[in-house]
Amino acid sequence: MVNTTTEAKLLGRYIVADPRICHGKPTFRGTRIFVSDVLEMVAEGMVWETIIEQWHGNITKEAIAEAVKLSSEAFLKHADEFRLEPVAA
C-alpha cells in the first residue's frame, strides 16, 4: 500500500517535511527555506549570524544547530553508503 498522506512530518523542533510546501523537502517550520540550502552555507564556512541575516531573521541559531545535529546523525547512520575507494599513493 502506498502512503499518500498529505500531513506534515515534524523532523525536529524547527524542521518539517510537508508535502504541500516545497514538494515535501525539509524546510524550517513556518518558512520555505530549505534545510539543505542552510547546511550548504554552513559547509561553506559562513558565520551563522550571516546566514540568519541572509534569510532576514526567519531562522535562528537553534534551528541551524538542529539542522547540523540531525544531518550529523543521518551521516553517522549511513556513513557506509558514502565510502570512497582508497586512492593509491
N, C-alpha and C. Protein backbone atom coordinates (compact mmCIF):
# COMPACT_ATOMS: atom_id res chain seq x y z
N MET A 1 0.84 -1.18 0.00
CA MET A 1 0.00 0.00 0.00
C MET A 1 0.89 1.25 0.00
N VAL A 2 0.59 2.19 -0.83
CA VAL A 2 1.35 3.43 -0.93
C VAL A 2 0.79 4.45 0.06
N ASN A 3 1.68 5.09 0.79
CA ASN A 3 1.25 6.12 1.74
C ASN A 3 1.08 7.43 0.98
N THR A 4 -0.14 7.91 0.92
CA THR A 4 -0.43 9.15 0.18
C THR A 4 -0.82 10.27 1.13
N THR A 5 -0.30 10.21 2.36
CA THR A 5 -0.65 11.22 3.34
C THR A 5 -0.16 12.60 2.92
N THR A 6 -0.93 13.59 3.27
CA THR A 6 -0.53 14.96 2.97
C THR A 6 -0.22 15.71 4.26
N GLU A 7 0.04 14.95 5.31
CA GLU A 7 0.34 15.57 6.59
C GLU A 7 1.81 15.93 6.69
N ALA A 8 2.07 17.01 7.38
CA ALA A 8 3.45 17.42 7.62
C ALA A 8 4.08 16.47 8.62
N LYS A 9 5.37 16.20 8.44
CA LYS A 9 6.13 15.37 9.38
C LYS A 9 7.12 16.27 10.08
N LEU A 10 7.01 16.34 11.40
CA LEU A 10 7.98 17.09 12.17
C LEU A 10 9.25 16.25 12.24
N LEU A 11 10.35 16.82 11.79
CA LEU A 11 11.64 16.13 11.81
C LEU A 11 12.48 16.60 12.98
N GLY A 12 12.02 17.60 13.64
CA GLY A 12 12.69 18.18 14.79
C GLY A 12 11.83 19.31 15.31
N ARG A 13 12.35 20.04 16.24
CA ARG A 13 11.60 21.16 16.79
C ARG A 13 11.42 22.28 15.76
N TYR A 14 12.42 22.44 14.88
CA TYR A 14 12.43 23.56 13.92
C TYR A 14 12.30 23.12 12.46
N ILE A 15 12.30 21.83 12.22
CA ILE A 15 12.34 21.33 10.84
C ILE A 15 11.12 20.48 10.54
N VAL A 16 10.58 20.67 9.36
CA VAL A 16 9.37 19.95 8.95
C VAL A 16 9.51 19.52 7.49
N ALA A 17 8.84 18.43 7.16
CA ALA A 17 8.70 18.00 5.76
C ALA A 17 7.20 17.94 5.49
N ASP A 18 6.73 18.87 4.70
CA ASP A 18 5.30 18.98 4.40
C ASP A 18 5.11 18.84 2.90
N PRO A 19 4.40 17.80 2.46
CA PRO A 19 4.22 17.60 1.03
C PRO A 19 3.53 18.76 0.32
N ARG A 20 2.88 19.64 1.09
CA ARG A 20 2.21 20.81 0.49
C ARG A 20 3.14 22.01 0.37
N ILE A 21 4.34 21.90 0.95
CA ILE A 21 5.30 23.00 0.92
C ILE A 21 6.62 22.50 0.33
N CYS A 22 7.06 23.15 -0.73
CA CYS A 22 8.36 22.83 -1.36
C CYS A 22 8.48 21.35 -1.68
N HIS A 23 7.42 20.74 -2.17
CA HIS A 23 7.41 19.35 -2.61
C HIS A 23 7.84 18.38 -1.52
N GLY A 24 7.64 18.75 -0.26
CA GLY A 24 7.95 17.85 0.84
C GLY A 24 9.40 17.83 1.26
N LYS A 25 10.22 18.67 0.65
CA LYS A 25 11.63 18.75 1.06
C LYS A 25 11.69 19.36 2.46
N PRO A 26 12.66 18.95 3.28
CA PRO A 26 12.76 19.54 4.63
C PRO A 26 12.99 21.05 4.59
N THR A 27 12.16 21.76 5.33
CA THR A 27 12.26 23.21 5.45
C THR A 27 12.20 23.57 6.93
N PHE A 28 12.56 24.79 7.24
CA PHE A 28 12.42 25.28 8.60
C PHE A 28 10.95 25.64 8.81
N ARG A 29 10.41 25.25 9.95
CA ARG A 29 8.98 25.45 10.23
C ARG A 29 8.57 26.90 10.01
N GLY A 30 7.45 27.06 9.33
CA GLY A 30 6.90 28.38 9.08
C GLY A 30 7.58 29.14 7.96
N THR A 31 8.49 28.48 7.24
CA THR A 31 9.20 29.13 6.13
C THR A 31 9.19 28.23 4.90
N ARG A 32 9.76 28.75 3.84
CA ARG A 32 10.03 27.95 2.64
C ARG A 32 11.55 27.87 2.45
N ILE A 33 12.27 27.97 3.54
CA ILE A 33 13.74 27.91 3.50
C ILE A 33 14.16 26.45 3.59
N PHE A 34 14.83 25.97 2.54
CA PHE A 34 15.30 24.60 2.52
C PHE A 34 16.41 24.39 3.54
N VAL A 35 16.29 23.33 4.31
CA VAL A 35 17.35 22.97 5.26
C VAL A 35 18.65 22.74 4.49
N SER A 36 18.57 22.13 3.33
CA SER A 36 19.78 21.84 2.55
C SER A 36 20.51 23.13 2.15
N ASP A 37 19.77 24.19 1.84
CA ASP A 37 20.41 25.46 1.49
C ASP A 37 21.20 26.01 2.66
N VAL A 38 20.63 25.94 3.85
CA VAL A 38 21.31 26.45 5.04
C VAL A 38 22.52 25.57 5.36
N LEU A 39 22.38 24.26 5.24
CA LEU A 39 23.51 23.37 5.51
C LEU A 39 24.66 23.62 4.53
N GLU A 40 24.34 23.94 3.29
CA GLU A 40 25.39 24.28 2.32
C GLU A 40 26.12 25.55 2.75
N MET A 41 25.38 26.52 3.26
CA MET A 41 26.00 27.76 3.73
C MET A 41 26.93 27.47 4.92
N VAL A 42 26.49 26.60 5.82
CA VAL A 42 27.31 26.21 6.96
C VAL A 42 28.57 25.50 6.45
N ALA A 43 28.41 24.59 5.50
CA ALA A 43 29.54 23.85 4.96
C ALA A 43 30.56 24.76 4.27
N GLU A 44 30.08 25.85 3.70
CA GLU A 44 30.98 26.82 3.05
C GLU A 44 31.70 27.69 4.06
N GLY A 45 31.37 27.52 5.36
CA GLY A 45 32.04 28.27 6.41
C GLY A 45 31.41 29.60 6.74
N MET A 46 30.21 29.82 6.26
CA MET A 46 29.55 31.09 6.54
C MET A 46 29.21 31.18 8.03
N VAL A 47 29.41 32.32 8.61
CA VAL A 47 29.09 32.57 10.01
C VAL A 47 27.57 32.48 10.17
N TRP A 48 27.13 31.82 11.25
CA TRP A 48 25.70 31.61 11.45
C TRP A 48 24.92 32.91 11.51
N GLU A 49 25.49 33.93 12.11
CA GLU A 49 24.79 35.22 12.17
C GLU A 49 24.55 35.77 10.76
N THR A 50 25.52 35.55 9.87
CA THR A 50 25.37 35.99 8.48
C THR A 50 24.28 35.19 7.78
N ILE A 51 24.24 33.90 8.05
CA ILE A 51 23.18 33.06 7.46
C ILE A 51 21.81 33.57 7.91
N ILE A 52 21.69 33.87 9.18
CA ILE A 52 20.43 34.37 9.72
C ILE A 52 20.06 35.70 9.04
N GLU A 53 21.04 36.57 8.87
CA GLU A 53 20.80 37.85 8.18
C GLU A 53 20.37 37.62 6.74
N GLN A 54 21.03 36.69 6.05
CA GLN A 54 20.70 36.41 4.65
C GLN A 54 19.25 35.95 4.50
N TRP A 55 18.75 35.27 5.53
CA TRP A 55 17.36 34.80 5.50
C TRP A 55 16.45 35.73 6.28
N HIS A 56 16.90 36.97 6.46
CA HIS A 56 16.09 38.04 7.06
C HIS A 56 15.54 37.69 8.44
N GLY A 57 16.32 36.94 9.22
CA GLY A 57 15.91 36.60 10.57
C GLY A 57 14.82 35.55 10.66
N ASN A 58 14.53 34.87 9.54
CA ASN A 58 13.45 33.88 9.54
C ASN A 58 13.87 32.53 10.09
N ILE A 59 15.17 32.37 10.40
CA ILE A 59 15.65 31.18 11.10
C ILE A 59 16.51 31.65 12.26
N THR A 60 16.76 30.74 13.18
CA THR A 60 17.52 31.08 14.38
C THR A 60 18.76 30.20 14.49
N LYS A 61 19.65 30.58 15.43
CA LYS A 61 20.83 29.74 15.70
C LYS A 61 20.40 28.35 16.14
N GLU A 62 19.35 28.29 16.94
CA GLU A 62 18.86 27.00 17.42
C GLU A 62 18.38 26.12 16.26
N ALA A 63 17.74 26.74 15.28
CA ALA A 63 17.26 25.99 14.11
C ALA A 63 18.44 25.48 13.29
N ILE A 64 19.45 26.31 13.12
CA ILE A 64 20.64 25.89 12.37
C ILE A 64 21.34 24.75 13.12
N ALA A 65 21.47 24.90 14.43
CA ALA A 65 22.11 23.86 15.24
C ALA A 65 21.36 22.53 15.12
N GLU A 66 20.04 22.59 15.12
CA GLU A 66 19.26 21.37 14.96
C GLU A 66 19.51 20.73 13.59
N ALA A 67 19.57 21.53 12.55
CA ALA A 67 19.83 21.01 11.21
C ALA A 67 21.20 20.33 11.15
N VAL A 68 22.20 20.95 11.75
CA VAL A 68 23.55 20.37 11.77
C VAL A 68 23.54 19.06 12.55
N LYS A 69 22.89 19.06 13.70
CA LYS A 69 22.84 17.86 14.53
C LYS A 69 22.13 16.72 13.81
N LEU A 70 20.97 17.00 13.21
CA LEU A 70 20.23 15.95 12.51
C LEU A 70 20.99 15.44 11.30
N SER A 71 21.67 16.33 10.59
CA SER A 71 22.44 15.87 9.42
C SER A 71 23.63 15.03 9.87
N SER A 72 24.24 15.38 11.00
CA SER A 72 25.33 14.59 11.55
C SER A 72 24.85 13.19 11.92
N GLU A 73 23.72 13.11 12.58
CA GLU A 73 23.16 11.82 12.96
C GLU A 73 22.84 10.97 11.73
N ALA A 74 22.27 11.60 10.71
CA ALA A 74 21.95 10.87 9.48
C ALA A 74 23.22 10.38 8.79
N PHE A 75 24.25 11.22 8.78
CA PHE A 75 25.52 10.81 8.17
C PHE A 75 26.09 9.61 8.91
N LEU A 76 26.15 9.67 10.23
CA LEU A 76 26.71 8.57 11.01
C LEU A 76 25.92 7.28 10.79
N LYS A 77 24.62 7.40 10.69
CA LYS A 77 23.77 6.23 10.47
C LYS A 77 24.02 5.61 9.10
N HIS A 78 24.35 6.44 8.11
CA HIS A 78 24.51 5.96 6.73
C HIS A 78 25.94 6.11 6.21
N ALA A 79 26.91 6.23 7.10
CA ALA A 79 28.30 6.50 6.70
C ALA A 79 28.83 5.48 5.70
N ASP A 80 28.46 4.22 5.85
CA ASP A 80 28.97 3.19 4.95
C ASP A 80 28.51 3.40 3.51
N GLU A 81 27.45 4.16 3.30
CA GLU A 81 26.96 4.43 1.95
C GLU A 81 27.79 5.51 1.24
N PHE A 82 28.63 6.23 2.01
CA PHE A 82 29.41 7.33 1.45
C PHE A 82 30.89 6.97 1.29
N ARG A 83 31.24 5.74 1.53
CA ARG A 83 32.63 5.32 1.49
C ARG A 83 33.20 5.45 0.09
N LEU A 84 34.36 6.07 -0.03
CA LEU A 84 35.06 6.20 -1.30
C LEU A 84 36.14 5.14 -1.38
N GLU A 85 36.52 4.81 -2.58
CA GLU A 85 37.61 3.85 -2.78
C GLU A 85 38.92 4.50 -2.38
N PRO A 86 39.85 3.73 -1.79
CA PRO A 86 41.15 4.29 -1.42
C PRO A 86 41.91 4.75 -2.65
N VAL A 87 42.67 5.81 -2.48
CA VAL A 87 43.48 6.36 -3.57
C VAL A 87 44.90 5.83 -3.40
N ALA A 88 45.47 5.29 -4.47
CA ALA A 88 46.84 4.78 -4.41
C ALA A 88 47.81 5.94 -4.24
N ALA A 89 48.79 5.73 -3.37
CA ALA A 89 49.78 6.80 -3.09
C ALA A 89 50.86 6.84 -4.14
